[in-house]
Amino acid sequence: MRGRATLLLGVLLVALMAAPQFTAAPGGIGAAGDQGCTCHGGASPDTTVLVDGLPDTYNASEVYTFTVTV
């Protein structure tokens, strides 16, 4: 019984070590992201995102239709 518990504990520890580790800056990425994505080469001045149909005031009981154009 003790050997089984030790084996189970070992498998659990290996599984925890193999799990992906994620870290993030507590305050976000800061000014580095002000111009867009910092993951894939930065922002392009040729990219424009337009969102049409957003209400001035949001009401959770209503359904809104909006369009996102990139």
PDB file of N, CA and C in Angstrom:
ATOM      1  N   MET A   1       0.822  -1.193   0.000  1.00  0.00           N
ATOM      2  CA  MET A   1       0.000   0.000   0.000  1.00  0.00           C
ATOM      3  C   MET A   1       0.865   1.256   0.000  1.00  0.00           C
ATOM      4  N   ARG A   2       1.933   1.228   0.792  1.00  0.00           N
ATOM      5  CA  ARG A   2       2.804   2.395   0.882  1.00  0.00           C
ATOM      6  C   ARG A   2       3.515   2.633  -0.452  1.00  0.00           C
ATOM      7  N   GLY A   3       3.895   1.560  -1.139  1.00  0.00           N
ATOM      8  CA  GLY A   3       4.550   1.681  -2.438  1.00  0.00           C
ATOM      9  C   GLY A   3       3.626   2.292  -3.482  1.00  0.00           C
ATOM     10  N   ARG A   4       2.347   1.925  -3.419  1.00  0.00           N
ATOM     11  CA  ARG A   4       1.371   2.482  -4.361  1.00  0.00           C
ATOM     12  C   ARG A   4       1.189   3.983  -4.123  1.00  0.00           C
ATOM     13  N   ALA A   5       1.131   4.401  -2.862  1.00  0.00           N
ATOM     14  CA  ALA A   5       0.984   5.817  -2.532  1.00  0.00           C
ATOM     15  C   ALA A   5       2.211   6.604  -2.984  1.00  0.00           C
ATOM     16  N   THR A   6       3.392   6.025  -2.804  1.00  0.00           N
ATOM     17  CA  THR A   6       4.621   6.683  -3.246  1.00  0.00           C
ATOM     18  C   THR A   6       4.640   6.822  -4.763  1.00  0.00           C
ATOM     19  N   LEU A   7       4.226   5.777  -5.462  1.00  0.00           N
ATOM     20  CA  LEU A   7       4.166   5.827  -6.921  1.00  0.00           C
ATOM     21  C   LEU A   7       3.170   6.880  -7.388  1.00  0.00           C
ATOM     22  N   LEU A   8       2.003   6.924  -6.760  1.00  0.00           N
ATOM     23  CA  LEU A   8       0.989   7.912  -7.120  1.00  0.00           C
ATOM     24  C   LEU A   8       1.496   9.328  -6.878  1.00  0.00           C
ATOM     25  N   LEU A   9       2.161   9.544  -5.765  1.00  0.00           N
ATOM     26  CA  LEU A   9       2.728  10.853  -5.471  1.00  0.00           C
ATOM     27  C   LEU A   9       3.785  11.231  -6.502  1.00  0.00           C
ATOM     28  N   GLY A  10       4.620  10.281  -6.882  1.00  0.00           N
ATOM     29  CA  GLY A  10       5.642  10.539  -7.894  1.00  0.00           C
ATOM     30  C   GLY A  10       5.033  10.898  -9.237  1.00  0.00           C
ATOM     31  N   VAL A  11       4.000  10.163  -9.645  1.00  0.00           N
ATOM     32  CA  VAL A  11       3.325  10.459 -10.914  1.00  0.00           C
ATOM     33  C   VAL A  11       2.690  11.842 -10.856  1.00  0.00           C
ATOM     34  N   LEU A  12       2.075  12.183  -9.741  1.00  0.00           N
ATOM     35  CA  LEU A  12       1.458  13.495  -9.580  1.00  0.00           C
ATOM     36  C   LEU A  12       2.497  14.612  -9.666  1.00  0.00           C
ATOM     37  N   LEU A  13       3.632  14.433  -9.024  1.00  0.00           N
ATOM     38  CA  LEU A  13       4.688  15.447  -9.077  1.00  0.00           C
ATOM     39  C   LEU A  13       5.235  15.615 -10.491  1.00  0.00           C
ATOM     40  N   VAL A  14       5.426  14.525 -11.213  1.00  0.00           N
ATOM     41  CA  VAL A  14       5.898  14.609 -12.602  1.00  0.00           C
ATOM     42  C   VAL A  14       4.863  15.317 -13.464  1.00  0.00           C
ATOM     43  N   ALA A  15       3.589  15.023 -13.258  1.00  0.00           N
ATOM     44  CA  ALA A  15       2.527  15.674 -14.027  1.00  0.00           C
ATOM     45  C   ALA A  15       2.504  17.174 -13.762  1.00  0.00           C
ATOM     46  N   LEU A  16       2.695  17.570 -12.520  1.00  0.00           N
ATOM     47  CA  LEU A  16       2.714  18.996 -12.193  1.00  0.00           C
ATOM     48  C   LEU A  16       3.920  19.697 -12.805  1.00  0.00           C
ATOM     49  N   MET A  17       5.061  19.029 -12.847  1.00  0.00           N
ATOM     50  CA  MET A  17       6.254  19.630 -13.449  1.00  0.00           C
ATOM     51  C   MET A  17       6.123  19.714 -14.961  1.00  0.00           C
ATOM     52  N   ALA A  18       5.388  18.789 -15.562  1.00  0.00           N
ATOM     53  CA  ALA A  18       5.234  18.775 -17.013  1.00  0.00           C
ATOM     54  C   ALA A  18       4.167  19.759 -17.485  1.00  0.00           C
ATOM     55  N   ALA A  19       3.321  20.228 -16.588  1.00  0.00           N
ATOM     56  CA  ALA A  19       2.269  21.173 -16.967  1.00  0.00           C
ATOM     57  C   ALA A  19       2.909  22.485 -17.416  1.00  0.00           C
ATOM     58  N   PRO A  20       2.313  23.136 -18.399  1.00  0.00           N
ATOM     59  CA  PRO A  20       2.877  24.407 -18.886  1.00  0.00           C
ATOM     60  C   PRO A  20       2.936  25.450 -17.770  1.00  0.00           C
ATOM     61  N   GLN A  21       3.982  26.205 -17.788  1.00  0.00           N
ATOM     62  CA  GLN A  21       4.160  27.274 -16.821  1.00  0.00           C
ATOM     63  C   GLN A  21       3.905  28.607 -17.519  1.00  0.00           C
ATOM     64  N   PHE A  22       3.099  29.446 -16.942  1.00  0.00           N
ATOM     65  CA  PHE A  22       2.796  30.744 -17.521  1.00  0.00           C
ATOM     66  C   PHE A  22       3.164  31.826 -16.527  1.00  0.00           C
ATOM     67  N   THR A  23       3.717  32.910 -17.031  1.00  0.00           N
ATOM     68  CA  THR A  23       3.987  34.066 -16.199  1.00  0.00           C
ATOM     69  C   THR A  23       3.507  35.302 -16.941  1.00  0.00           C
ATOM     70  N   ALA A  24       3.130  36.301 -16.196  1.00  0.00           N
ATOM     71  CA  ALA A  24       2.681  37.553 -16.792  1.00  0.00           C
ATOM     72  C   ALA A  24       3.154  38.697 -15.913  1.00  0.00           C
ATOM     73  N   ALA A  25       3.374  39.826 -16.538  1.00  0.00           N
ATOM     74  CA  ALA A  25       3.741  41.010 -15.783  1.00  0.00           C
ATOM     75  C   ALA A  25       2.502  41.503 -15.036  1.00  0.00           C
ATOM     76  N   PRO A  26       2.610  41.821 -13.753  1.00  0.00           N
ATOM     77  CA  PRO A  26       1.444  42.226 -12.975  1.00  0.00           C
ATOM     78  C   PRO A  26       0.737  43.457 -13.534  1.00  0.00           C
ATOM     79  N   GLY A  27       1.488  44.359 -14.141  1.00  0.00           N
ATOM     80  CA  GLY A  27       0.892  45.578 -14.684  1.00  0.00           C
ATOM     81  C   GLY A  27       0.658  45.517 -16.175  1.00  0.00           C
ATOM     82  N   GLY A  28       0.702  44.339 -16.772  1.00  0.00           N
ATOM     83  CA  GLY A  28       0.542  44.228 -18.221  1.00  0.00           C
ATOM     84  C   GLY A  28       1.873  44.477 -18.916  1.00  0.00           C
ATOM     85  N   ILE A  29       1.824  44.687 -20.239  1.00  0.00           N
ATOM     86  CA  ILE A  29       3.067  44.895 -20.978  1.00  0.00           C
ATOM     87  C   ILE A  29       3.450  46.361 -21.067  1.00  0.00           C
ATOM     88  N   GLY A  30       2.592  47.238 -20.548  1.00  0.00           N
ATOM     89  CA  GLY A  30       2.914  48.656 -20.483  1.00  0.00           C
ATOM     90  C   GLY A  30       2.917  49.337 -21.834  1.00  0.00           C
ATOM     91  N   ALA A  31       3.769  50.326 -21.975  1.00  0.00           N
ATOM     92  CA  ALA A  31       3.810  51.147 -23.184  1.00  0.00           C
ATOM     93  C   ALA A  31       4.253  50.368 -24.413  1.00  0.00           C
ATOM     94  N   ALA A  32       4.859  49.204 -24.228  1.00  0.00           N
ATOM     95  CA  ALA A  32       5.312  48.411 -25.374  1.00  0.00           C
ATOM     96  C   ALA A  32       4.151  47.996 -26.261  1.00  0.00           C
ATOM     97  N   GLY A  33       2.956  47.846 -25.704  1.00  0.00           N
ATOM     98  CA  GLY A  33       1.805  47.412 -26.489  1.00  0.00           C
ATOM     99  C   GLY A  33       0.916  48.532 -26.973  1.00  0.00           C
ATOM    100  N   ASP A  34       1.299  49.784 -26.732  1.00  0.00           N
ATOM    101  CA  ASP A  34       0.447  50.904 -27.126  1.00  0.00           C
ATOM    102  C   ASP A  34       0.233  50.995 -28.632  1.00  0.00           C
ATOM    103  N   GLN A  35       1.185  50.537 -29.401  1.00  0.00           N
ATOM    104  CA  GLN A  35       1.066  50.623 -30.852  1.00  0.00           C
ATOM    105  C   GLN A  35       0.560  49.329 -31.473  1.00  0.00           C
ATOM    106  N   GLY A  36       0.141  48.373 -30.670  1.00  0.00           N
ATOM    107  CA  GLY A  36      -0.410  47.125 -31.202  1.00  0.00           C
ATOM    108  C   GLY A  36       0.295  45.920 -30.632  1.00  0.00           C
ATOM    109  N   CYS A  37       0.142  44.814 -31.323  1.00  0.00           N
ATOM    110  CA  CYS A  37       0.668  43.528 -30.875  1.00  0.00           C
ATOM    111  C   CYS A  37       2.192  43.551 -30.800  1.00  0.00           C
ATOM    112  N   THR A  38       2.735  43.020 -29.712  1.00  0.00           N
ATOM    113  CA  THR A  38       4.188  42.926 -29.591  1.00  0.00           C
ATOM    114  C   THR A  38       4.667  41.506 -29.856  1.00  0.00           C
ATOM    115  N   CYS A  39       3.742  40.599 -30.176  1.00  0.00           N
ATOM    116  CA  CYS A  39       4.098  39.188 -30.335  1.00  0.00           C
ATOM    117  C   CYS A  39       4.568  38.841 -31.740  1.00  0.00           C
ATOM    118  N   HIS A  40       4.036  39.495 -32.738  1.00  0.00           N
ATOM    119  CA  HIS A  40       4.275  39.077 -34.116  1.00  0.00           C
ATOM    120  C   HIS A  40       4.822  40.213 -34.973  1.00  0.00           C
ATOM    121  N   GLY A  41       5.814  40.895 -34.488  1.00  0.00           N
ATOM    122  CA  GLY A  41       6.480  41.903 -35.298  1.00  0.00           C
ATOM    123  C   GLY A  41       5.964  43.317 -35.123  1.00  0.00           C
ATOM    124  N   GLY A  42       5.052  43.548 -34.219  1.00  0.00           N
ATOM    125  CA  GLY A  42       4.589  44.896 -33.954  1.00  0.00           C
ATOM    126  C   GLY A  42       3.452  45.326 -34.858  1.00  0.00           C
ATOM    127  N   ALA A  43       3.036  46.546 -34.659  1.00  0.00           N
ATOM    128  CA  ALA A  43       1.887  47.090 -35.387  1.00  0.00           C
ATOM    129  C   ALA A  43       2.275  47.509 -36.792  1.00  0.00           C
ATOM    130  N   SER A  44       1.310  47.420 -37.677  1.00  0.00           N
ATOM    131  CA  SER A  44       1.494  47.898 -39.042  1.00  0.00           C
ATOM    132  C   SER A  44       0.644  49.144 -39.223  1.00  0.00           C
ATOM    133  N   PRO A  45       1.206  50.208 -39.794  1.00  0.00           N
ATOM    134  CA  PRO A  45       0.402  51.411 -40.018  1.00  0.00           C
ATOM    135  C   PRO A  45      -0.682  51.181 -41.066  1.00  0.00           C
ATOM    136  N   ASP A  46      -0.609  50.073 -41.802  1.00  0.00           N
ATOM    137  CA  ASP A  46      -1.601  49.768 -42.828  1.00  0.00           C
ATOM    138  C   ASP A  46      -2.849  49.097 -42.262  1.00  0.00           C
ATOM    139  N   THR A  47      -2.860  48.744 -40.992  1.00  0.00           N
ATOM    140  CA  THR A  47      -3.985  48.036 -40.397  1.00  0.00           C
ATOM    141  C   THR A  47      -4.927  49.016 -39.721  1.00  0.00           C
ATOM    142  N   THR A  48      -6.217  48.896 -40.050  1.00  0.00           N
ATOM    143  CA  THR A  48      -7.244  49.721 -39.428  1.00  0.00           C
ATOM    144  C   THR A  48      -8.375  48.812 -38.969  1.00  0.00           C
ATOM    145  N   VAL A  49      -8.834  49.008 -37.758  1.00  0.00           N
ATOM    146  CA  VAL A  49      -9.958  48.243 -37.231  1.00  0.00           C
ATOM    147  C   VAL A  49     -11.111  49.212 -36.999  1.00  0.00           C
ATOM    148  N   LEU A  50     -12.265  48.909 -37.610  1.00  0.00           N
ATOM    149  CA  LEU A  50     -13.464  49.726 -37.446  1.00  0.00           C
ATOM    150  C   LEU A  50     -14.550  48.882 -36.793  1.00  0.00           C
ATOM    151  N   VAL A  51     -15.224  49.441 -35.791  1.00  0.00           N
ATOM    152  CA  VAL A  51     -16.338  48.758 -35.133  1.00  0.00           C
ATOM    153  C   VAL A  51     -17.558  49.654 -35.276  1.00  0.00           C
ATOM    154  N   ASP A  52     -18.590  49.155 -35.968  1.00  0.00           N
ATOM    155  CA  ASP A  52     -19.833  49.903 -36.173  1.00  0.00           C
ATOM    156  C   ASP A  52     -20.965  49.230 -35.419  1.00  0.00           C
ATOM    157  N   GLY A  53     -21.875  50.030 -34.894  1.00  0.00           N
ATOM    158  CA  GLY A  53     -23.069  49.498 -34.252  1.00  0.00           C
ATOM    159  C   GLY A  53     -23.001  49.415 -32.744  1.00  0.00           C
ATOM    160  N   LEU A  54     -21.954  49.953 -32.137  1.00  0.00           N
ATOM    161  CA  LEU A  54     -21.869  49.925 -30.673  1.00  0.00           C
ATOM    162  C   LEU A  54     -22.796  50.985 -30.086  1.00  0.00           C
ATOM    163  N   PRO A  55     -23.538  50.642 -29.036  1.00  0.00           N
ATOM    164  CA  PRO A  55     -24.437  51.626 -28.423  1.00  0.00           C
ATOM    165  C   PRO A  55     -23.655  52.610 -27.554  1.00  0.00           C
ATOM    166  N   ASP A  56     -24.247  53.762 -27.322  1.00  0.00           N
ATOM    167  CA  ASP A  56     -23.631  54.730 -26.409  1.00  0.00           C
ATOM    168  C   ASP A  56     -23.691  54.223 -24.971  1.00  0.00           C
ATOM    169  N   THR A  57     -24.778  53.525 -24.646  1.00  0.00           N
ATOM    170  CA  THR A  57     -24.961  52.955 -23.317  1.00  0.00           C
ATOM    171  C   THR A  57     -25.329  51.489 -23.472  1.00  0.00           C
ATOM    172  N   TYR A  58     -24.647  50.627 -22.744  1.00  0.00           N
ATOM    173  CA  TYR A  58     -24.887  49.187 -22.839  1.00  0.00           C
ATOM    174  C   TYR A  58     -25.972  48.772 -21.864  1.00  0.00           C
ATOM    175  N   ASN A  59     -26.933  47.974 -22.346  1.00  0.00           N
ATOM    176  CA  ASN A  59     -27.983  47.410 -21.511  1.00  0.00           C
ATOM    177  C   ASN A  59     -27.911  45.895 -21.660  1.00  0.00           C
ATOM    178  N   ALA A  60     -27.684  45.179 -20.573  1.00  0.00           N
ATOM    179  CA  ALA A  60     -27.470  43.735 -20.626  1.00  0.00           C
ATOM    180  C   ALA A  60     -28.691  42.966 -21.114  1.00  0.00           C
ATOM    181  N   SER A  61     -29.880  43.541 -21.018  1.00  0.00           N
ATOM    182  CA  SER A  61     -31.084  42.821 -21.436  1.00  0.00           C
ATOM    183  C   SER A  61     -31.393  42.998 -22.923  1.00  0.00           C
ATOM    184  N   GLU A  62     -30.593  43.771 -23.632  1.00  0.00           N
ATOM    185  CA  GLU A  62     -30.811  43.987 -25.062  1.00  0.00           C
ATOM    186  C   GLU A  62     -29.791  43.213 -25.883  1.00  0.00           C
ATOM    187  N   VAL A  63     -30.153  42.956 -27.146  1.00  0.00           N
ATOM    188  CA  VAL A  63     -29.261  42.290 -28.090  1.00  0.00           C
ATOM    189  C   VAL A  63     -28.731  43.348 -29.044  1.00  0.00           C
ATOM    190  N   TYR A  64     -27.429  43.351 -29.260  1.00  0.00           N
ATOM    191  CA  TYR A  64     -26.801  44.327 -30.141  1.00  0.00           C
ATOM    192  C   TYR A  64     -26.139  43.611 -31.308  1.00  0.00           C
ATOM    193  N   THR A  65     -26.237  44.209 -32.470  1.00  0.00           N
ATOM    194  CA  THR A  65     -25.551  43.706 -33.648  1.00  0.00           C
ATOM    195  C   THR A  65     -24.510  44.739 -34.034  1.00  0.00           C
ATOM    196  N   PHE A  66     -23.270  44.305 -34.140  1.00  0.00           N
ATOM    197  CA  PHE A  66     -22.233  45.233 -34.565  1.00  0.00           C
ATOM    198  C   PHE A  66     -21.336  44.561 -35.576  1.00  0.00           C
ATOM    199  N   THR A  67     -20.600  45.387 -36.303  1.00  0.00           N
ATOM    200  CA  THR A  67     -19.739  44.910 -37.373  1.00  0.00           C
ATOM    201  C   THR A  67     -18.307  45.308 -37.080  1.00  0.00           C
ATOM    202  N   VAL A  68     -17.399  44.350 -37.210  1.00  0.00           N
ATOM    203  CA  VAL A  68     -15.966  44.617 -37.053  1.00  0.00           C
ATOM    204  C   VAL A  68     -15.326  44.462 -38.417  1.00  0.00           C
ATOM    205  N   THR A  69     -14.643  45.506 -38.864  1.00  0.00           N
ATOM    206  CA  THR A  69     -13.969  45.491 -40.160  1.00  0.00           C
ATOM    207  C   THR A  69     -12.484  45.697 -39.932  1.00  0.00           C
ATOM    208  N   VAL A  70     -11.671  44.811 -40.493  1.00  0.00           N
ATOM    209  CA  VAL A  70     -10.217  44.925 -40.368  1.00  0.00           C
ATOM    210  C   VAL A  70      -9.655  45.219 -41.736  1.00  0.00           C
TER     211      VAL A  70
END
